[in-house]
Amino acid sequence: MKKIKIKEGKDKLKEFNPQRQYASGAVNTFIDRAQYISEEIFDSFARYIESEMRKTDSEERYTRLYPNDVDACFARFCTKLKELMKKEEEE
């Protein structure tokens, strides 16, 4: 995963609330958690692709993964994440 720089982390947080102040260590903690989340999402996305792929009729071999398969899974994966976030905001 890409290493997130402190300036990138702070800029991303400020994007949503420019007035926010940060206690010592808050941005570093945000970066640490963001990097952990990105690894978890990376794993989850790969697992999701696999769960969405079909086997051939013989069930002995899996179908080939094409770029458009990845794109379609990515769109559905992002939609599910957005729905989850929206649901969490409503609660």
Protein backbone atom coordinates (compact mmCIF):
# COMPACT_ATOMS: atom_id res chain seq x y z
CA MET A 1 0.00 0.00 0.00
CA LYS A 2 1.08 3.56 -0.63
CA LYS A 3 2.62 5.33 2.32
CA ILE A 4 0.46 8.30 3.33
CA LYS A 5 2.44 11.43 4.14
CA ILE A 6 1.49 13.62 7.10
CA LYS A 7 0.62 16.54 4.83
CA GLU A 8 -1.66 14.29 2.73
CA GLY A 9 -3.42 13.05 5.86
CA LYS A 10 -3.90 16.53 7.26
CA ASP A 11 -5.09 17.87 3.89
CA LYS A 12 -7.62 15.05 3.60
CA LEU A 13 -9.00 15.72 7.08
CA LYS A 14 -9.18 19.47 6.42
CA GLU A 15 -11.05 18.82 3.18
CA PHE A 16 -14.12 17.89 5.23
CA ASN A 17 -13.70 20.50 7.98
CA PRO A 18 -11.16 23.28 7.39
CA GLN A 19 -11.79 24.69 10.88
CA ARG A 20 -10.81 21.50 12.71
CA GLN A 21 -7.85 21.60 15.07
CA TYR A 22 -5.75 18.51 15.69
CA ALA A 23 -4.20 17.40 18.97
CA SER A 24 -0.68 16.04 18.92
CA GLY A 25 -0.64 12.62 17.30
CA ALA A 26 -4.17 12.82 15.85
CA VAL A 27 -3.04 13.06 12.22
CA ASN A 28 -0.51 10.25 12.67
CA THR A 29 -3.21 8.07 14.23
CA PHE A 30 -5.55 8.91 11.33
CA ILE A 31 -2.84 7.89 8.85
CA ASP A 32 -2.12 4.64 10.70
CA ARG A 33 -5.82 3.72 10.73
CA ALA A 34 -6.29 4.77 7.08
CA GLN A 35 -3.41 2.53 6.01
CA TYR A 36 -4.85 -0.37 7.99
CA ILE A 37 -8.28 0.22 6.46
CA SER A 38 -6.82 0.40 2.97
CA GLU A 39 -5.21 -3.03 3.46
CA GLU A 40 -8.48 -4.43 4.82
CA ILE A 41 -10.44 -2.95 1.92
CA PHE A 42 -7.84 -4.29 -0.53
CA ASP A 43 -8.32 -7.80 0.89
CA SER A 44 -12.09 -7.41 1.00
CA PHE A 45 -12.24 -6.23 -2.61
CA ALA A 46 -10.23 -9.23 -3.79
CA ARG A 47 -12.49 -11.54 -1.78
CA TYR A 48 -15.58 -9.79 -3.21
CA ILE A 49 -14.34 -10.25 -6.77
CA GLU A 50 -13.84 -13.93 -6.13
CA SER A 51 -17.30 -14.28 -4.61
CA GLU A 52 -18.84 -12.60 -7.66
CA MET A 53 -17.02 -14.71 -10.24
CA ARG A 54 -18.71 -17.69 -11.82
CA LYS A 55 -17.39 -21.18 -12.37
CA THR A 56 -17.64 -22.81 -15.76
CA ASP A 57 -20.45 -25.27 -16.42
CA SER A 58 -18.24 -28.18 -15.45
CA GLU A 59 -17.60 -26.55 -12.02
CA GLU A 60 -14.03 -27.81 -12.27
CA ARG A 61 -12.48 -24.63 -13.61
CA TYR A 62 -13.10 -21.02 -12.87
CA THR A 63 -13.86 -18.47 -15.54
CA ARG A 64 -11.14 -16.05 -16.56
CA LEU A 65 -11.08 -12.67 -14.83
CA TYR A 66 -11.23 -9.77 -17.29
CA PRO A 67 -10.70 -6.04 -16.66
CA ASN A 68 -14.41 -5.38 -17.22
CA ASP A 69 -15.18 -7.97 -14.49
CA VAL A 70 -12.97 -6.02 -12.09
CA ASP A 71 -14.63 -2.74 -13.11
CA ALA A 72 -18.12 -4.16 -12.62
CA CYS A 73 -17.20 -5.58 -9.22
CA PHE A 74 -15.57 -2.28 -8.26
CA ALA A 75 -18.76 -0.37 -9.08
CA ARG A 76 -20.90 -2.77 -7.02
CA PHE A 77 -18.35 -2.82 -4.19
CA CYS A 78 -18.29 1.00 -4.01
CA THR A 79 -22.08 1.15 -4.11
CA LYS A 80 -22.30 -1.27 -1.19
CA LEU A 81 -19.76 0.77 0.81
CA LYS A 82 -21.68 4.00 0.13
CA GLU A 83 -24.96 2.35 1.15
CA LEU A 84 -23.35 1.13 4.36
CA MET A 85 -21.97 4.60 5.15
CA LYS A 86 -25.34 6.23 4.41
CA LYS A 87 -27.08 3.73 6.68
CA GLU A 88 -24.58 4.45 9.45
CA GLU A 89 -25.15 8.22 9.09
CA GLU A 90 -28.91 7.75 9.38
CA GLU A 91 -28.64 5.85 12.68
